[in-house]
Protein backbone atom coordinates (compact mmCIF):
# COMPACT_ATOMS: atom_id res chain seq x y z
CA MET A 1 91.00 46.02 160.63
CA THR A 2 92.30 49.22 162.36
CA CYS A 3 95.53 50.50 161.32
CA PHE A 4 98.73 51.40 163.34
CA ARG A 5 98.49 55.31 163.06
CA PRO A 6 99.66 56.70 166.67
CA ALA A 7 98.17 60.45 166.13
CA ILE A 8 100.16 63.63 167.07
CA PHE A 9 98.55 62.56 170.48
CA ALA A 10 100.43 59.48 170.74
CA LEU A 11 103.83 60.66 169.00
CA SER A 12 103.89 63.72 171.62
CA LEU A 13 103.14 62.09 174.71
CA THR A 14 102.55 58.43 174.38
CA THR A 15 104.76 55.68 175.75
CA CYS A 16 104.82 54.64 179.51
CA ALA A 17 105.55 52.40 182.51
CA THR A 18 103.19 49.55 183.16
CA THR A 19 102.58 49.65 186.99
CA ALA A 20 104.14 52.71 188.17
CA GLN A 21 102.57 54.07 191.66
CA ALA A 22 103.15 57.62 192.69
CA GLN A 23 106.45 58.05 194.95
CA THR A 24 105.72 60.58 197.42
CA HIS A 25 108.33 63.37 198.25
CA PRO A 26 107.42 65.02 201.75
CA PHE A 27 108.55 68.22 202.95
CA ALA A 28 108.21 69.50 206.36
CA LEU A 29 105.36 72.06 207.29
CA ASP A 30 106.93 72.06 210.69
CA GLU A 31 109.16 69.97 213.38
CA GLN A 32 106.12 67.56 213.62
CA LEU A 33 104.08 67.77 210.41
CA THR A 34 105.17 66.77 206.68
CA LEU A 35 103.13 67.04 203.43
CA ALA A 36 103.72 64.75 200.69
CA PRO A 37 102.27 65.69 197.29
CA ILE A 38 101.03 62.80 194.96
CA VAL A 39 101.14 63.30 191.31
CA ASP A 40 100.72 60.81 188.59
CA VAL A 41 100.06 61.71 184.71
CA ARG A 42 99.58 58.93 182.59
CA ALA A 43 98.49 59.36 178.81
CA ARG A 44 98.08 56.17 176.57
CA TRP A 45 97.01 55.41 173.11
CA GLU A 46 95.50 52.14 172.71
CA ASP A 47 94.73 49.86 169.44
CA VAL A 48 92.45 46.80 169.23
CA ASP A 49 92.18 44.58 166.26
CA ALA A 50 89.90 41.65 166.66
CA THR A 51 87.94 39.48 164.55
CA SER A 52 84.63 40.72 164.89
CA ARG A 53 85.05 44.58 166.40
CA ASP A 54 87.75 46.74 166.65
CA ALA A 55 88.66 49.94 168.68
CA HIS A 56 91.05 52.64 169.25
CA ALA A 57 91.35 55.03 172.25
CA GLU A 58 93.75 58.19 173.26
CA SER A 59 93.21 58.50 176.96
CA LEU A 60 94.85 60.98 179.60
CA ARG A 61 94.75 60.10 183.48
CA LEU A 62 95.75 62.59 186.18
CA ARG A 63 96.18 61.26 189.83
CA ALA A 64 96.40 63.81 192.28
CA GLY A 65 96.48 64.28 196.24
CA ALA A 66 98.59 64.51 199.30
CA GLU A 67 99.67 62.59 202.35
CA LEU A 68 99.87 64.72 205.58
CA THR A 69 101.98 62.96 208.41
CA HIS A 70 101.99 63.96 212.15
CA LYS A 71 105.34 62.12 213.11
CA PRO A 72 105.14 61.83 216.91
CA SER A 73 101.76 60.15 216.73
CA HIS A 74 102.30 58.04 213.66
CA ILE A 75 99.36 58.89 212.16
CA SER A 76 99.09 60.14 208.22
CA LEU A 77 95.91 61.07 206.45
CA LEU A 78 96.20 60.26 202.58
CA VAL A 79 93.56 62.17 200.20
CA GLU A 80 93.68 61.59 196.22
CA GLY A 81 91.57 62.01 193.31
CA THR A 82 91.68 60.62 189.94
CA GLY A 83 90.41 61.63 186.75
CA THR A 84 90.34 60.34 183.06
CA THR A 85 89.56 61.65 179.81
CA HIS A 86 89.67 60.18 176.09
CA PHE A 87 89.52 61.75 172.80
CA GLY A 88 87.07 60.59 170.49
CA SER A 89 84.29 57.74 170.45
CA GLY A 90 86.22 54.87 168.54
CA PHE A 91 85.88 52.42 171.51
CA SER A 92 83.56 51.06 174.20
CA GLY A 93 84.18 51.63 177.70
CA PHE A 94 82.36 48.81 178.91
CA SER A 95 81.88 45.15 177.96
CA TYR A 96 78.17 45.21 179.43
CA ALA A 97 75.19 47.27 178.85
CA THR A 98 75.04 50.38 180.72
CA PRO A 99 72.99 53.61 180.13
CA SER A 100 76.35 55.91 179.75
CA ASP A 101 76.98 56.90 176.07
CA GLN A 102 80.67 55.24 176.44
CA TYR A 103 78.90 52.05 175.97
CA ARG A 104 79.33 51.21 172.41
CA PRO A 105 78.31 47.68 171.40
CA ASN A 106 79.73 47.92 167.86
CA ARG A 107 83.11 48.60 169.42
CA ALA A 108 85.72 46.31 171.16
CA THR A 109 86.21 47.09 174.89
CA ILE A 110 88.98 49.46 176.10
CA ALA A 111 88.10 49.79 179.72
CA ASP A 112 89.59 53.41 180.09
CA GLY A 113 86.75 55.47 180.01
CA SER A 114 86.34 59.03 181.03
CA THR A 115 85.84 59.14 184.85
CA VAL A 116 86.42 61.74 188.31
CA ALA A 117 86.40 60.01 191.24
CA LEU A 118 87.95 59.62 194.76
CA ASN A 119 90.51 57.09 194.61
CA ARG A 120 91.87 56.97 197.99
CA LEU A 121 91.03 58.59 201.26
CA GLN A 122 92.54 56.32 204.43
CA LEU A 123 93.84 57.27 207.66
CA ARG A 124 96.73 55.42 208.68
CA TYR A 125 99.04 54.24 211.95
CA ALA A 126 102.09 53.12 210.93
CA THR A 127 105.46 52.07 212.90
CA ARG A 128 107.91 49.21 212.21
CA PRO A 129 106.03 46.36 213.98
CA LEU A 130 102.28 47.49 213.18
CA THR A 131 100.34 49.28 210.74
CA ALA A 132 96.74 49.94 210.60
CA THR A 133 94.84 51.49 207.62
CA VAL A 134 90.88 52.31 207.31
CA GLY A 135 89.21 54.02 204.49
CA ARG A 136 89.53 53.94 200.70
CA GLN A 137 92.81 52.23 199.97
CA ARG A 138 95.01 50.24 197.56
CA ILE A 139 95.48 46.63 198.63
CA ILE A 140 98.20 44.95 197.05
CA LEU A 141 99.03 41.07 198.41
CA ASP A 142 101.79 39.00 197.34
CA ASP A 143 102.10 38.71 193.45
CA GLN A 144 98.50 40.11 193.11
CA ARG A 145 97.22 36.83 191.87
CA PHE A 146 94.23 36.71 194.21
CA VAL A 147 93.83 40.72 195.31
CA GLY A 148 95.53 43.62 193.62
CA ASN A 149 94.95 47.22 192.30
CA ALA A 150 94.61 46.29 188.75
CA PRO A 151 97.19 48.96 187.86
CA TRP A 152 97.38 48.61 184.11
CA ARG A 153 93.86 50.49 183.56
CA GLN A 154 93.73 54.18 184.13
CA THR A 155 91.36 53.85 186.75
CA GLU A 156 92.56 51.66 189.42
CA GLN A 157 90.75 49.06 191.77
CA THR A 158 90.68 50.10 195.53
CA PHE A 159 88.76 48.68 198.54
CA ASP A 160 86.50 50.54 201.16
CA ALA A 161 88.12 48.68 203.97
CA ALA A 162 90.11 48.30 207.36
CA ARG A 163 93.44 46.40 207.25
CA ILE A 164 96.16 45.58 209.66
CA GLN A 165 99.82 44.46 209.14
CA THR A 166 102.21 43.19 211.73
CA ALA A 167 105.54 41.52 211.83
CA LEU A 168 107.53 40.31 214.69
CA GLY A 169 110.76 39.01 213.30
CA PRO A 170 110.47 37.03 210.33
CA LEU A 171 106.58 36.44 211.47
CA VAL A 172 104.12 38.46 209.34
CA LEU A 173 100.46 38.76 209.56
CA ASP A 174 98.21 40.78 207.00
CA ALA A 175 94.46 40.93 207.52
CA THR A 176 91.78 42.87 205.71
CA HIS A 177 87.92 43.54 205.94
CA ALA A 178 86.38 45.25 203.17
CA ILE A 179 82.93 46.21 202.42
CA ARG A 180 83.24 47.64 198.81
CA GLN A 181 85.07 46.79 195.65
CA ASN A 182 85.59 49.91 193.74
CA THR A 183 86.13 48.46 190.16
CA VAL A 184 88.21 49.86 186.88
CA ASN A 185 85.04 50.81 185.25
CA GLY A 186 84.87 54.16 187.15
CA SER A 187 82.34 56.52 188.03
CA ASP A 188 80.39 56.29 184.76
CA GLY A 189 80.20 52.48 184.72
CA ALA A 190 77.05 51.88 186.76
CA PRO A 191 75.82 49.39 187.78
CA ARG A 192 79.68 47.72 187.83
CA ASP A 193 81.32 50.94 188.88
CA HIS A 194 81.33 49.17 192.34
CA LEU A 195 80.20 45.95 194.18
CA ARG A 196 79.35 45.73 197.78
CA GLY A 197 79.64 42.61 200.12
CA ASP A 198 81.74 41.22 202.75
CA PHE A 199 85.32 40.34 201.68
CA THR A 200 88.00 39.15 204.20
CA PHE A 201 91.69 38.87 203.24
CA ILE A 202 94.08 37.07 205.50
CA THR A 203 97.92 36.20 204.88
CA GLY A 204 100.32 35.25 207.29
CA GLY A 205 103.71 33.18 207.60
CA ILE A 206 107.13 33.48 207.83
CA VAL A 207 109.49 36.09 205.65
CA ALA A 208 113.09 35.50 205.66
CA LYS A 209 115.77 37.13 203.33
CA GLN A 210 116.05 34.28 200.65
CA ALA A 211 112.74 32.74 201.16
CA SER A 212 109.09 32.86 202.45
CA LEU A 213 106.24 30.63 203.32
CA LYS A 214 102.71 32.26 203.53
CA GLY A 215 99.24 30.59 204.11
CA PHE A 216 96.15 32.81 202.70
CA ALA A 217 92.57 33.03 203.06
CA TYR A 218 90.19 34.91 200.83
CA LEU A 219 86.62 35.05 201.90
CA LEU A 220 84.34 36.84 199.30
CA ASP A 221 80.56 37.10 199.79
CA TYR A 222 79.12 39.40 197.34
CA GLU A 223 75.66 41.23 197.87
CA SER A 224 72.98 40.91 195.20
CA THR A 225 73.20 43.52 192.20
CA PRO A 226 70.82 44.79 189.74
CA PHE A 227 72.78 43.00 186.98
CA LEU A 228 72.90 39.58 188.11
CA ASN A 229 71.10 38.17 185.50
CA GLN A 230 72.76 39.97 182.64
CA PRO A 231 74.73 37.76 180.17
CA GLY A 232 78.46 37.56 181.59
CA ALA A 233 77.61 39.25 184.68
CA ARG A 234 79.15 37.76 187.64
CA SER A 235 78.02 39.24 191.15
CA GLN A 236 76.95 36.69 193.54
CA LEU A 237 78.49 33.84 191.60
CA ASP A 238 81.74 35.09 192.64
CA SER A 239 81.38 34.41 196.00
CA SER A 240 83.87 31.97 197.22
CA GLN A 241 86.27 31.07 200.08
CA THR A 242 89.77 30.08 199.03
CA TYR A 243 92.56 28.84 201.08
CA GLY A 244 96.15 28.03 200.05
CA LEU A 245 99.87 28.26 200.45
CA ARG A 246 102.46 30.35 198.60
CA ALA A 247 106.42 29.78 198.51
CA THR A 248 109.40 31.71 197.37
CA THR A 249 113.00 31.33 197.28
CA THR A 250 115.93 32.45 195.30
CA LEU A 251 119.17 30.62 195.24
CA PRO A 252 122.70 32.18 194.26
CA LEU A 253 124.27 30.51 191.52
CA GLY A 254 127.52 32.65 191.49
CA HIS A 255 128.74 35.79 189.95
CA HIS A 256 125.52 37.79 188.78
CA ALA A 257 123.45 34.49 188.44
CA SER A 258 120.54 33.28 190.54
CA LEU A 259 117.64 31.06 190.71
CA ALA A 260 114.30 32.12 191.83
CA LEU A 261 111.51 30.03 192.49
CA ALA A 262 107.75 30.70 193.10
CA GLY A 263 105.04 28.37 193.44
CA SER A 264 101.15 28.42 194.93
CA LEU A 265 98.51 25.75 195.82
CA ALA A 266 94.91 26.84 196.62
CA TRP A 267 91.50 25.16 197.10
CA GLN A 268 88.37 27.46 196.04
CA SER A 269 84.66 26.52 196.60
CA SER A 270 81.58 28.52 196.86
CA TYR A 271 80.64 30.55 199.95
CA GLY A 272 78.19 32.86 201.23
CA ARG A 273 75.42 34.06 199.09
CA ASN A 274 76.52 32.31 195.98
CA PRO A 275 73.50 30.19 194.71
CA ASN A 276 75.83 27.81 192.89
CA THR A 277 77.80 24.83 194.37
CA TYR A 278 81.29 24.12 193.19
CA ALA A 279 85.10 23.14 194.36
CA ALA A 280 87.93 23.68 192.39
CA THR A 281 91.93 23.80 192.63
CA TYR A 282 94.72 26.22 191.86
CA SER A 283 98.19 25.75 191.22
CA SER A 284 101.29 27.63 189.75
CA ILE A 285 104.96 26.84 189.66
CA GLU A 286 107.54 29.64 188.21
CA PRO A 287 111.38 28.90 188.24
CA ALA A 288 113.24 32.11 187.24
CA LEU A 289 116.71 31.78 186.02
CA THR A 290 118.79 35.09 186.09
CA LEU A 291 122.07 35.63 184.47
CA GLY A 292 123.25 39.24 184.49
CA GLN A 293 120.67 41.83 183.41
CA HIS A 294 118.36 38.99 181.88
CA THR A 295 116.11 36.44 183.44
CA LEU A 296 114.38 33.75 181.91
CA THR A 297 110.98 32.56 183.47
CA LEU A 298 109.00 29.21 183.00
CA THR A 299 105.22 29.46 184.25
CA ARG A 300 102.68 26.81 184.50
CA GLU A 301 99.49 27.62 186.14
CA VAL A 302 96.27 26.02 186.40
CA LEU A 303 92.80 27.32 187.20
CA GLY A 304 90.85 23.90 187.53
CA ALA A 305 87.49 23.46 187.09
CA ASP A 306 84.42 21.14 188.98
CA ALA A 307 82.85 19.34 186.33
CA ARG A 308 80.29 18.17 188.67
CA ALA A 309 79.47 21.50 190.02
CA GLN A 310 75.59 22.74 190.27
CA GLY A 311 74.37 23.92 186.98
CA GLY A 312 77.33 22.55 184.89
CA ALA A 313 81.10 22.89 184.97
CA TRP A 314 82.38 26.03 186.97
CA SER A 315 86.12 27.11 187.29
CA PHE A 316 88.48 28.72 190.02
CA GLN A 317 88.04 32.47 189.73
CA THR A 318 89.94 35.51 190.79
CA PRO A 319 87.92 38.55 190.53
CA LEU A 320 89.94 40.90 192.60
CA SER A 321 93.04 39.94 190.97
CA SER A 322 95.11 42.44 188.90
CA LEU A 323 94.34 40.75 185.95
CA HIS A 324 96.15 41.93 182.93
CA LYS A 325 99.25 40.72 184.73
CA PHE A 326 98.24 37.09 184.21
CA ASN A 327 97.52 34.71 181.17
CA GLY A 328 98.50 37.39 178.49
CA TRP A 329 98.14 41.06 177.88
CA ALA A 330 95.41 40.72 175.35
CA ASP A 331 92.74 39.95 178.30
CA VAL A 332 91.17 37.05 176.53
CA PHE A 333 91.10 35.34 179.86
CA LEU A 334 89.88 37.90 182.60
CA THR A 335 87.19 35.38 183.69
CA THR A 336 88.35 31.74 183.85
CA PRO A 337 86.58 29.64 181.28
CA ALA A 338 83.79 27.24 182.60
CA ASN A 339 86.27 24.27 181.76
CA GLY A 340 89.16 25.85 183.66
CA LEU A 341 92.53 27.16 182.04
CA ARG A 342 96.09 25.90 181.89
CA ASP A 343 98.39 28.48 181.10
CA HIS A 344 101.92 27.41 179.94
CA ALA A 345 104.59 30.44 179.17
CA VAL A 346 108.12 31.33 178.39
CA THR A 347 109.20 34.85 179.38
CA LEU A 348 112.37 36.77 178.98
CA THR A 349 112.98 39.88 180.69
CA GLY A 350 116.12 42.12 180.96
CA LYS A 351 117.74 45.47 180.72
CA LEU A 352 119.64 46.44 177.52
CA PRO A 353 123.29 47.86 177.45
CA LYS A 354 123.15 51.70 178.60
CA ILE A 355 122.48 54.04 175.46
CA GLU A 356 123.43 57.18 176.25
CA ALA A 357 120.50 59.02 174.58
CA LEU A 358 117.98 56.34 176.21
CA PRO A 359 119.02 55.09 179.44
CA ARG A 360 117.58 52.30 181.21
CA VAL A 361 116.10 50.53 178.33
CA THR A 362 113.96 47.30 179.53
CA TYR A 363 112.48 44.67 177.39
CA THR A 364 109.85 41.69 177.89
CA VAL A 365 109.02 39.00 175.57
CA ALA A 366 106.77 36.08 176.12
CA HIS A 367 104.88 33.33 174.78
CA HIS A 368 101.70 31.57 176.27
CA TRP A 369 99.84 28.29 175.29
CA PHE A 370 96.33 28.12 176.53
CA ASP A 371 94.50 24.91 177.28
CA ALA A 372 91.30 23.88 179.22
CA ASP A 373 91.62 22.05 182.38
CA LEU A 374 88.89 19.64 181.86
CA GLY A 375 89.05 17.69 178.41
CA GLY A 376 92.29 19.48 177.68
CA ALA A 377 91.04 21.04 174.62
CA HIS A 378 93.55 23.75 173.28
CA TYR A 379 92.01 27.44 173.45
CA GLY A 380 94.98 29.28 171.60
CA LYS A 381 98.28 30.98 171.96
CA GLU A 382 99.66 34.30 172.70
CA ILE A 383 102.90 36.51 171.91
CA ASN A 384 103.58 39.22 174.40
CA ALA A 385 106.37 42.04 173.98
CA SER A 386 107.51 45.37 175.45
CA LEU A 387 109.83 47.90 175.39
CA GLY A 388 110.42 50.49 178.00
CA PHE A 389 112.87 53.52 178.71
CA SER A 390 113.04 56.50 180.83
CA THR A 391 113.75 59.95 179.64
CA LYS A 392 113.47 61.73 183.00
CA PRO A 393 110.82 62.71 184.09
CA ILE A 394 108.97 60.66 181.80
CA ASN A 395 108.74 56.84 181.61
CA TRP A 396 107.98 55.46 178.17
CA LEU A 397 106.35 52.10 177.27
CA LEU A 398 105.71 50.38 173.85
CA LYS A 399 103.72 47.30 174.34
CA PHE A 400 102.55 44.71 172.05
CA ALA A 401 99.82 41.37 172.28
CA GLN A 402 98.64 38.73 169.90
CA TYR A 403 96.44 36.08 170.78
CA GLN A 404 95.83 33.24 168.18
CA ALA A 405 92.39 31.61 168.84
CA ARG A 406 91.90 28.16 168.38
CA GLY A 407 89.08 26.93 170.55
CA PHE A 408 88.43 29.72 172.70
CA GLY A 409 87.83 33.34 171.77
CA SER A 410 88.82 35.25 168.70
CA ASP A 411 92.14 36.53 167.02
CA THR A 412 92.93 39.48 169.06
CA ARG A 413 95.80 42.00 168.38
CA LYS A 414 96.28 44.88 170.97
CA ILE A 415 99.21 47.84 170.77
CA TRP A 416 99.83 50.48 173.23
CA VAL A 417 101.79 53.48 173.17
CA GLN A 418 102.01 55.19 176.70
CA ALA A 419 103.95 57.90 178.87
CA GLU A 420 103.90 58.59 182.61
CA PHE A 421 105.05 61.44 184.85
CA VAL A 422 105.29 60.26 188.53
CA PHE A 423 106.18 62.92 191.24
């Protein structure tokens, strides 16, 4: 068991904002051109204590670039690089075998290995009714359950893609075709640093002030990859077609009180070059009651499974999701088990009363119960907790996850201390 010993590095730098994105602050070059620098520095200490393996890592991530905008033409060019370095060798940067010296099979995986990469290179045309973006870009759709940028890891997920977003009153349409998924494994993570294929994301519907209703289609057709036959590898087995609906609404309940409701239904089956044949469903319902500065959320999410799938039971998968956001921070269920997953959770979030020395203190406490969709076997349960605050210009976060295994995986405890400066 590793001990809780945040070194001088952690004490001086480390505690952060979980999903902060760089906010641009443009300045004028002349009457037609503006330049917005992008600077995002994030330091993290992470400690993992699992039944069979443990790990600890101290990492520092710098993301920097700039966006040049020509106002009369509504065209902008954004260039952004990312680099992560770590200190020591107390972790494995990858969960799979790779020639990199950051692969250490005797250690638990912390997917924040050293890397240097081009994070984004995009050309964009943006007006109020239409935005078109081409190049390497960040794509975040709805709640990120199906497509997101996986912002929790030091290297984010991006796509080489062409995207069009349009709005006509309350009607919205968002369509993307991508040919490459740049994964969180980074430039040293070959052969899984990136995955090629044909990926189409389409969402559209009605978005009003207090309610929205959208339909979506996600078509993923992965090319074959060298690691297809390695244990745990996905590749073409993640080729799928997913169609569904998502609805949200917020109901005012009086002074400083409201009830928000969100729900999704989806159907998924094999697609393209997938050698398997299966069909599975997805559902989620999430009511959230807000009273003042505090919100209580109940979640029921079911990633179904097909018992009659070719080659054995196969389940609903979301390989492009911001996975850490869902099904517990211990990351035990990054891949849906073959018999599916039912996640019932209670989450309390909020802001604490203002403290002069530590303004804007926020907290999150959650409890998850995990079960199989097929057979109903109990997988385990998990407790999550976090505390965040800001001491300008740095955002801080303390974060904890404890997974107790009953029928799936192993007991896992994770602790994070993180600090982030975003310009």
